[in-house]
Amino acid sequence: MTTLILLTLVGVFCGAPGVCAAISQIELLTLDQALEMAERRHPQLAETRALVDAASGRAQQAGTFPNPEAILWAQQIPFQSYPVPDRQYLAGFGQTIPLGNRLSKAREAELLEREVRLRGLDSVRRQLRKRVHGSFATALYQESAFQAQTYITSGLGMLVTVTKARLDAGDVIPLDIARSEMELARAEVELRRSESLRKQGLIALAAAVGDPDLEVKSVEGSLEVAFEVPTINSLAANLFTQPELQAAEAGVRASTARVDLAKAERIPDVRVEALYHRLEVSGQNTFDLGLSIPLPLFNRSQGRLREARSEALAAEARVHQLANELSSRLRESYVALTTALDNLQAFKTQILPKAKTVLESAELRYASGDSALTDVLPIRRDWAGVHLSYLETLREVMQSWAEVSSFLGQTEKR
């Protein structure tokens, strides 16, 4: 009975949306895997692909010839129920015939709109890759910072052990024990904070790949990635190959096609009707042929043409504005990358080795009883700060490279 009640409760809870949803897990996620998962799973890409397909459907429909119409007429039907000798019946077909090249212009305009969507898909994919790259860099930095904070906490634990040994030898006062234990407690607080930030970084990475329910246990990679930085001029030469700018230029072509379509729509369509006409009075079968042409007296599509021309001018202005923004973004990211690389080189060749030498010397002197705890604690804090600043610089390099590398003109798959 108890088992039955338990199973019933589980069924009730699992019936609630999202309560027992299966959460996929991955133990170790690399950058290449994250990028590939984003390509397959991200809903923004799925939405953009669907919009491309919708544009293809509009292009297919735009060039379709109008359907014919079946026509049935009964004339001179009486209100009273007595026969009328001159009752007449008509039956036939009507067909609207577009004049000029309106259909071809409409199809051309929709095909160019489809090209805008395709270029937009490339832009979304490029932006998504940068977002995943940046989120992965942050997650990898938080992973490295957590490991560094673990090492820092372990070192302070050893310092407490050494201080206790010196207290037993009568070399330090009890206040030094309290001070060293306080430093250890502060380090443990920072360790817990670092672990929380590490978990948050992994959650943000899962959201960046488009699967917030994905549980990433850890990331694998190195912040110290070797790459060759191209010159700013070579990157600027690829500016007009950027998907965002190509999408904007495709928008200009589409707007120009809308102007041509608006001009073609000023020519009215002709409607032709062919009818069988039965004359009840004489019992004769006749044939009627009709032609109707709209007279553009009131609606000459001037407003539509004005709208299309203004939108074309706006599209051209967007291209210039976007080109300015891309150029500015390229130069800003290039300055950030080169500065981060210079700082990284300074850390690796000067700051880190010297900080390590100073710390090892200070801890050796303290362990041998040649210095006080107040001498070694500031040095250890400085070393910890230097190491974390080094990791932060590595993250800046990786994020800046993700931005700069998008200007390399690499071909993305669709």
Protein backbone atom coordinates (compact mmCIF):
# COMPACT_ATOMS: atom_id res chain seq x y z
CA MET A 1 0.00 0.00 0.00
CA THR A 2 2.82 2.38 0.90
CA THR A 3 4.55 1.58 -2.39
CA LEU A 4 1.36 2.32 -4.30
CA ILE A 5 0.96 5.71 -2.59
CA LEU A 6 4.62 6.56 -3.35
CA LEU A 7 4.25 5.66 -7.02
CA THR A 8 1.07 7.73 -7.20
CA LEU A 9 2.83 10.79 -5.75
CA VAL A 10 5.71 10.37 -8.18
CA GLY A 11 3.26 10.19 -11.05
CA VAL A 12 1.48 13.36 -9.89
CA PHE A 13 4.71 15.32 -9.58
CA CYS A 14 6.06 14.06 -12.89
CA GLY A 15 2.82 15.13 -14.51
CA ALA A 16 3.65 18.75 -13.70
CA PRO A 17 5.41 20.48 -16.63
CA GLY A 18 9.17 20.53 -16.25
CA VAL A 19 9.25 18.85 -12.82
CA CYS A 20 10.69 15.52 -13.95
CA ALA A 21 12.11 16.72 -17.25
CA ALA A 22 15.12 14.75 -18.31
CA ILE A 23 18.27 16.82 -17.81
CA SER A 24 21.15 15.83 -20.08
CA GLN A 25 24.62 15.85 -18.60
CA ILE A 26 28.10 16.13 -20.00
CA GLU A 27 31.16 15.55 -17.89
CA LEU A 28 33.73 17.46 -19.94
CA LEU A 29 32.88 20.03 -22.59
CA THR A 30 35.38 21.42 -25.10
CA LEU A 31 35.04 24.59 -27.13
CA ASP A 32 34.56 22.68 -30.40
CA GLN A 33 31.81 20.59 -28.80
CA ALA A 34 30.10 23.72 -27.46
CA LEU A 35 30.15 25.37 -30.90
CA GLU A 36 28.81 22.22 -32.56
CA MET A 37 26.03 21.90 -29.96
CA ALA A 38 25.03 25.52 -30.48
CA GLU A 39 24.81 24.89 -34.23
CA ARG A 40 22.41 22.00 -33.64
CA ARG A 41 20.41 23.12 -30.62
CA HIS A 42 20.16 26.88 -30.43
CA PRO A 43 16.56 28.05 -31.00
CA GLN A 44 17.70 31.35 -32.51
CA LEU A 45 19.30 29.48 -35.40
CA ALA A 46 16.20 27.32 -35.78
CA GLU A 47 14.04 30.45 -35.89
CA THR A 48 16.26 32.12 -38.50
CA ARG A 49 16.30 28.99 -40.68
CA ALA A 50 12.49 28.88 -40.51
CA LEU A 51 12.33 32.53 -41.59
CA VAL A 52 14.58 31.71 -44.55
CA ASP A 53 12.21 28.92 -45.52
CA ALA A 54 9.23 31.26 -45.14
CA ALA A 55 10.94 33.76 -47.46
CA SER A 56 11.45 30.95 -49.98
CA GLY A 57 7.72 30.22 -49.82
CA ARG A 58 6.86 33.87 -50.43
CA ALA A 59 9.21 33.96 -53.41
CA GLN A 60 7.56 30.84 -54.81
CA GLN A 61 4.09 32.35 -54.36
CA ALA A 62 4.96 35.83 -55.67
CA GLY A 63 5.42 34.75 -59.29
CA THR A 64 2.25 32.64 -59.46
CA PHE A 65 -0.28 33.55 -62.14
CA PRO A 66 -3.77 34.42 -60.75
CA ASN A 67 -6.34 31.61 -60.70
CA PRO A 68 -9.31 31.77 -63.08
CA GLU A 69 -12.79 32.33 -61.62
CA ALA A 70 -15.98 30.41 -62.35
CA ILE A 71 -18.93 32.73 -63.01
CA LEU A 72 -22.64 31.88 -62.64
CA TRP A 73 -25.33 34.49 -63.16
CA ALA A 74 -29.10 34.41 -63.10
CA GLN A 75 -30.79 37.62 -64.24
CA GLN A 76 -34.31 38.95 -63.83
CA ILE A 77 -35.36 36.53 -61.06
CA PRO A 78 -38.88 37.47 -59.93
CA PHE A 79 -39.90 38.16 -56.32
CA GLN A 80 -43.24 36.39 -56.89
CA SER A 81 -43.60 32.76 -57.85
CA TYR A 82 -44.77 33.23 -61.44
CA PRO A 83 -42.69 32.63 -64.53
CA VAL A 84 -40.88 35.44 -66.24
CA PRO A 85 -40.45 34.83 -69.96
CA ASP A 86 -37.27 36.89 -70.28
CA ARG A 87 -35.34 35.20 -67.46
CA GLN A 88 -31.66 34.80 -68.47
CA TYR A 89 -28.78 32.60 -67.33
CA LEU A 90 -25.04 33.14 -67.70
CA ALA A 91 -22.15 30.80 -66.99
CA GLY A 92 -18.47 31.03 -67.81
CA PHE A 93 -15.01 31.93 -66.64
CA GLY A 94 -13.11 35.08 -65.76
CA GLN A 95 -9.37 35.57 -65.78
CA THR A 96 -7.27 38.43 -64.39
CA ILE A 97 -4.24 39.07 -66.58
CA PRO A 98 -1.37 41.05 -65.03
CA LEU A 99 0.11 43.44 -67.55
CA GLY A 100 3.73 44.44 -67.72
CA ASN A 101 6.25 42.56 -65.59
CA ARG A 102 4.59 42.80 -62.19
CA LEU A 103 4.83 39.08 -61.45
CA SER A 104 8.51 38.82 -62.36
CA LYS A 105 9.29 41.94 -60.33
CA ALA A 106 7.38 40.58 -57.35
CA ARG A 107 9.26 37.28 -57.53
CA GLU A 108 12.58 39.09 -57.88
CA ALA A 109 11.82 41.23 -54.83
CA GLU A 110 10.92 38.18 -52.72
CA LEU A 111 14.04 36.32 -53.87
CA LEU A 112 16.14 39.27 -52.71
CA GLU A 113 14.28 39.25 -49.40
CA ARG A 114 15.23 35.59 -49.11
CA GLU A 115 18.86 36.57 -49.70
CA VAL A 116 18.55 39.08 -46.84
CA ARG A 117 17.33 36.27 -44.59
CA LEU A 118 20.18 34.02 -45.70
CA ARG A 119 22.74 36.72 -44.96
CA GLY A 120 21.01 37.25 -41.66
CA LEU A 121 21.44 33.56 -40.90
CA ASP A 122 25.18 33.91 -41.41
CA SER A 123 25.17 36.93 -39.12
CA VAL A 124 23.23 35.12 -36.41
CA ARG A 125 25.58 32.17 -36.66
CA ARG A 126 28.64 34.43 -36.36
CA GLN A 127 27.23 36.29 -33.38
CA LEU A 128 26.26 33.01 -31.75
CA ARG A 129 29.76 31.62 -32.17
CA LYS A 130 31.23 34.72 -30.54
CA ARG A 131 28.75 34.42 -27.67
CA VAL A 132 29.60 30.76 -27.10
CA HIS A 133 33.31 31.54 -27.38
CA GLY A 134 33.01 34.30 -24.78
CA SER A 135 30.90 32.17 -22.42
CA PHE A 136 33.38 29.31 -22.76
CA ALA A 137 36.26 31.67 -21.96
CA THR A 138 34.43 32.86 -18.84
CA ALA A 139 33.64 29.29 -17.75
CA LEU A 140 37.24 28.24 -18.36
CA TYR A 141 38.49 31.26 -16.42
CA GLN A 142 36.19 30.46 -13.49
CA GLU A 143 37.40 26.86 -13.59
CA SER A 144 41.04 28.00 -13.49
CA ALA A 145 40.27 30.58 -10.78
CA PHE A 146 38.62 27.89 -8.67
CA GLN A 147 41.67 25.67 -9.03
CA ALA A 148 43.94 28.60 -8.18
CA GLN A 149 41.85 29.47 -5.13
CA THR A 150 42.00 25.82 -4.06
CA TYR A 151 45.78 25.98 -4.28
CA ILE A 152 45.83 29.26 -2.35
CA THR A 153 43.65 27.77 0.40
CA SER A 154 45.86 24.69 0.57
CA GLY A 155 48.94 26.89 0.95
CA LEU A 156 47.35 28.80 3.80
CA GLY A 157 46.47 25.49 5.44
CA MET A 158 50.15 24.57 5.31
CA LEU A 159 51.01 27.98 6.74
CA VAL A 160 48.71 27.32 9.71
CA THR A 161 50.46 23.97 10.25
CA VAL A 162 53.88 25.64 10.22
CA THR A 163 52.65 28.34 12.63
CA LYS A 164 51.37 25.71 15.06
CA ALA A 165 54.71 23.92 14.91
CA ARG A 166 56.54 27.15 15.69
CA LEU A 167 54.12 27.85 18.55
CA ASP A 168 54.93 24.45 20.02
CA ALA A 169 58.59 25.36 19.75
CA GLY A 170 57.93 28.66 21.55
CA ASP A 171 58.96 30.68 18.49
CA VAL A 172 55.66 32.58 17.92
CA ILE A 173 52.88 33.90 20.08
CA PRO A 174 49.29 32.50 20.14
CA LEU A 175 48.09 35.61 18.32
CA ASP A 176 49.92 34.38 15.21
CA ILE A 177 47.84 31.21 15.26
CA ALA A 178 44.63 33.23 15.32
CA ARG A 179 45.88 35.45 12.53
CA SER A 180 46.90 32.54 10.30
CA GLU A 181 43.59 30.75 10.94
CA MET A 182 41.73 33.95 10.10
CA GLU A 183 43.56 34.11 6.76
CA LEU A 184 42.65 30.49 6.13
CA ALA A 185 38.98 31.17 6.93
CA ARG A 186 38.97 34.13 4.50
CA ALA A 187 40.51 31.93 1.83
CA GLU A 188 37.83 29.29 2.39
CA VAL A 189 35.15 31.97 1.94
CA GLU A 190 36.77 33.02 -1.35
CA LEU A 191 36.99 29.36 -2.35
CA ARG A 192 33.24 28.91 -1.87
CA ARG A 193 32.58 32.12 -3.78
CA SER A 194 34.86 30.92 -6.57
CA GLU A 195 33.04 27.59 -6.70
CA SER A 196 29.70 29.40 -6.97
CA LEU A 197 31.02 31.57 -9.82
CA ARG A 198 32.34 28.44 -11.52
CA LYS A 199 28.89 26.82 -11.41
CA GLN A 200 27.25 30.02 -12.66
CA GLY A 201 29.72 30.14 -15.56
CA LEU A 202 28.81 26.59 -16.56
CA ILE A 203 25.10 27.42 -16.40
CA ALA A 204 25.66 30.48 -18.60
CA LEU A 205 27.63 28.35 -21.06
CA ALA A 206 24.77 25.85 -21.30
CA ALA A 207 22.37 28.72 -22.03
CA ALA A 208 24.75 30.11 -24.68
CA VAL A 209 24.71 26.80 -26.60
CA GLY A 210 20.91 26.91 -26.53
CA ASP A 211 20.24 24.17 -23.97
CA PRO A 212 19.72 25.65 -20.49
CA ASP A 213 18.77 22.20 -19.15
CA LEU A 214 22.19 20.85 -20.07
CA GLU A 215 24.25 20.13 -16.94
CA VAL A 216 27.92 20.72 -17.70
CA LYS A 217 30.19 19.27 -15.05
CA SER A 218 33.42 20.83 -16.28
CA VAL A 219 35.10 22.40 -19.31
CA GLU A 220 38.30 21.31 -20.97
CA GLY A 221 40.71 23.65 -22.67
CA SER A 222 43.52 26.08 -22.14
CA LEU A 223 43.35 29.82 -21.74
CA GLU A 224 46.89 29.99 -23.10
CA VAL A 225 46.13 29.45 -26.79
CA ALA A 226 48.86 30.28 -29.28
CA PHE A 227 47.71 32.17 -32.37
CA GLU A 228 49.09 34.63 -34.84
CA VAL A 229 47.49 38.06 -34.69
CA PRO A 230 46.96 39.54 -38.18
CA THR A 231 47.57 43.20 -38.90
CA ILE A 232 44.78 45.72 -38.49
CA ASN A 233 44.93 46.55 -42.21
CA SER A 234 44.38 42.93 -43.25
CA LEU A 235 41.40 42.71 -40.91
CA ALA A 236 39.96 45.99 -42.21
CA ALA A 237 40.22 44.63 -45.76
CA ASN A 238 37.74 41.90 -44.78
CA LEU A 239 35.28 44.39 -43.35
CA PHE A 240 32.86 44.18 -46.28
CA THR A 241 32.81 40.37 -46.10
CA GLN A 242 31.12 40.48 -42.71
CA PRO A 243 27.69 38.79 -42.71
CA GLU A 244 26.06 41.80 -41.03
CA LEU A 245 27.23 44.14 -43.76
CA GLN A 246 26.40 41.69 -46.53
CA ALA A 247 22.89 41.34 -45.09
CA ALA A 248 22.53 45.14 -45.09
CA GLU A 249 23.73 45.35 -48.71
CA ALA A 250 21.28 42.61 -49.67
CA GLY A 251 18.61 44.75 -47.98
CA VAL A 252 19.54 47.62 -50.31
CA ARG A 253 19.08 45.38 -53.35
CA ALA A 254 15.77 44.14 -51.97
CA SER A 255 14.57 47.71 -51.38
CA THR A 256 15.55 48.68 -54.93
CA ALA A 257 13.56 45.72 -56.21
CA ARG A 258 10.56 46.96 -54.18
CA VAL A 259 10.84 50.29 -56.00
CA ASP A 260 10.72 48.50 -59.35
CA LEU A 261 7.76 46.46 -58.14
CA ALA A 262 5.91 49.61 -57.06
CA LYS A 263 6.46 51.06 -60.52
CA ALA A 264 5.19 47.87 -62.17
CA GLU A 265 2.10 47.84 -59.93
CA ARG A 266 1.00 51.20 -61.36
CA ILE A 267 -0.04 49.34 -64.52
CA PRO A 268 -3.53 47.95 -63.76
CA ASP A 269 -4.45 44.33 -64.34
CA VAL A 270 -6.91 43.46 -67.11
CA ARG A 271 -9.86 41.17 -66.43
CA VAL A 272 -11.27 39.06 -69.27
CA GLU A 273 -14.62 37.24 -68.99
CA ALA A 274 -16.04 34.63 -71.37
CA LEU A 275 -19.69 33.68 -70.65
CA TYR A 276 -22.34 31.37 -72.04
CA HIS A 277 -25.62 33.33 -72.21
CA ARG A 278 -29.02 31.59 -72.40
CA LEU A 279 -31.90 33.79 -73.68
CA GLU A 280 -35.10 32.27 -72.41
CA VAL A 281 -37.36 34.52 -74.49
CA SER A 282 -36.01 33.32 -77.80
CA GLY A 283 -34.50 30.05 -76.64
CA GLN A 284 -31.16 31.02 -78.13
CA ASN A 285 -27.69 30.19 -76.84
CA THR A 286 -25.28 33.11 -77.07
CA PHE A 287 -21.70 33.89 -76.15
CA ASP A 288 -20.63 37.00 -74.19
CA LEU A 289 -17.10 38.37 -74.01
CA GLY A 290 -16.14 41.08 -71.49
CA LEU A 291 -13.06 43.12 -70.79
CA SER A 292 -12.60 45.35 -67.75
CA ILE A 293 -9.68 47.71 -67.17
CA PRO A 294 -9.34 49.71 -63.92
CA LEU A 295 -8.94 53.42 -64.46
CA PRO A 296 -6.16 54.83 -62.24
CA LEU A 297 -7.94 58.07 -61.41
CA PHE A 298 -7.82 58.04 -57.60
CA ASN A 299 -5.27 55.35 -56.69
CA ARG A 300 -2.12 55.68 -58.78
CA SER A 301 0.16 53.97 -56.18
CA GLN A 302 2.11 57.17 -55.69
CA GLY A 303 2.25 56.64 -51.94
CA ARG A 304 3.47 53.07 -52.39
CA LEU A 305 6.20 54.26 -54.75
CA ARG A 306 7.23 56.99 -52.35
CA GLU A 307 7.36 54.47 -49.51
CA ALA A 308 9.55 52.09 -51.52
CA ARG A 309 11.97 54.85 -52.52
CA SER A 310 12.29 56.10 -48.94
CA GLU A 311 12.91 52.57 -47.66
CA ALA A 312 15.65 52.14 -50.27
CA LEU A 313 17.33 55.34 -49.06
CA ALA A 314 17.03 54.13 -45.47
CA ALA A 315 18.61 50.79 -46.42
CA GLU A 316 21.58 52.58 -48.00
CA ALA A 317 21.99 54.69 -44.86
CA ARG A 318 21.93 51.52 -42.74
CA VAL A 319 24.81 50.10 -44.77
CA HIS A 320 26.95 53.18 -44.10
CA GLN A 321 26.03 53.20 -40.41
CA LEU A 322 26.77 49.50 -40.01
CA ALA A 323 30.09 49.86 -41.80
CA ASN A 324 31.05 52.62 -39.35
CA GLU A 325 30.02 50.49 -36.38
CA LEU A 326 31.95 47.45 -37.62
CA SER A 327 35.06 49.52 -38.27
CA SER A 328 34.88 51.02 -34.79
CA ARG A 329 34.26 47.62 -33.21
CA LEU A 330 37.20 46.11 -35.08
CA ARG A 331 39.61 48.80 -33.93
CA GLU A 332 38.39 48.68 -30.33
CA SER A 333 38.66 44.89 -30.14
CA TYR A 334 42.09 44.97 -31.83
CA VAL A 335 43.39 47.47 -29.25
CA ALA A 336 41.94 45.31 -26.46
CA LEU A 337 43.59 42.18 -27.88
CA THR A 338 47.04 43.70 -28.39
CA THR A 339 46.95 45.30 -24.94
CA ALA A 340 45.91 42.02 -23.31
CA LEU A 341 48.68 40.18 -25.17
CA ASP A 342 51.28 42.71 -23.98
CA ASN A 343 50.02 42.37 -20.41
CA LEU A 344 50.08 38.59 -20.71
CA GLN A 345 53.69 38.67 -21.87
CA ALA A 346 54.61 40.89 -18.90
CA PHE A 347 52.92 38.46 -16.50
CA LYS A 348 54.66 35.42 -17.97
CA THR A 349 58.17 36.85 -18.26
CA GLN A 350 58.37 39.25 -15.34
CA ILE A 351 55.56 39.38 -12.80
CA LEU A 352 54.73 35.69 -12.21
CA PRO A 353 58.33 34.42 -11.90
CA LYS A 354 59.27 37.22 -9.53
CA ALA A 355 56.12 36.80 -7.44
CA LYS A 356 56.82 33.08 -7.14
CA THR A 357 60.45 33.71 -6.12
CA VAL A 358 59.42 36.26 -3.48
CA LEU A 359 56.75 33.96 -2.05
CA GLU A 360 59.01 30.90 -1.89
CA SER A 361 61.75 32.92 -0.21
CA ALA A 362 59.35 34.44 2.32
CA GLU A 363 57.77 31.07 3.21
CA LEU A 364 61.20 29.43 3.51
CA ARG A 365 62.38 32.15 5.87
CA TYR A 366 59.19 31.89 7.91
CA ALA A 367 59.45 28.09 8.13
CA SER A 368 63.05 28.39 9.35
CA GLY A 369 62.08 31.00 11.94
CA ASP A 370 63.86 33.94 10.33
CA SER A 371 60.72 36.09 9.81
CA ALA A 372 57.39 36.81 11.41
CA LEU A 373 53.90 35.91 10.23
CA THR A 374 53.20 39.59 9.50
CA ASP A 375 55.98 39.44 6.92
CA VAL A 376 54.75 36.43 4.97
CA LEU A 377 50.98 37.08 4.93
CA PRO A 378 51.10 40.28 2.76
CA ILE A 379 53.48 38.55 0.36
CA ARG A 380 51.11 35.60 0.04
CA ARG A 381 48.17 37.95 -0.59
CA ASP A 382 50.15 39.73 -3.29
CA TRP A 383 51.06 36.43 -4.92
CA ALA A 384 47.42 35.29 -4.92
CA GLY A 385 46.31 38.60 -6.44
CA VAL A 386 48.97 38.39 -9.13
CA HIS A 387 47.98 34.83 -10.06
CA LEU A 388 44.27 35.72 -10.32
CA SER A 389 45.11 38.84 -12.36
CA TYR A 390 47.10 36.63 -14.71
CA LEU A 391 44.07 34.36 -15.21
CA GLU A 392 41.87 37.40 -15.82
CA THR A 393 44.31 38.59 -18.47
CA LEU A 394 44.14 35.19 -20.15
CA ARG A 395 40.36 35.48 -20.24
CA GLU A 396 40.61 38.95 -21.79
CA VAL A 397 42.91 37.58 -24.48
CA MET A 398 40.53 34.75 -25.31
CA GLN A 399 37.45 37.00 -25.44
CA SER A 400 39.22 39.68 -27.47
CA TRP A 401 40.45 37.06 -29.92
CA ALA A 402 36.91 35.74 -30.32
CA GLU A 403 35.88 39.24 -31.42
CA VAL A 404 38.88 39.93 -33.65
CA SER A 405 38.87 36.51 -35.33
CA SER A 406 35.34 37.16 -36.62
CA PHE A 407 36.90 39.69 -39.03
CA LEU A 408 39.17 37.10 -40.64
CA GLY A 409 36.66 36.50 -43.42
CA GLN A 410 36.23 32.79 -42.64
CA THR A 411 33.52 31.02 -44.57
CA GLU A 412 30.70 29.72 -42.42
CA LYS A 413 28.64 26.70 -43.35
CA ARG A 414 24.88 27.18 -43.79
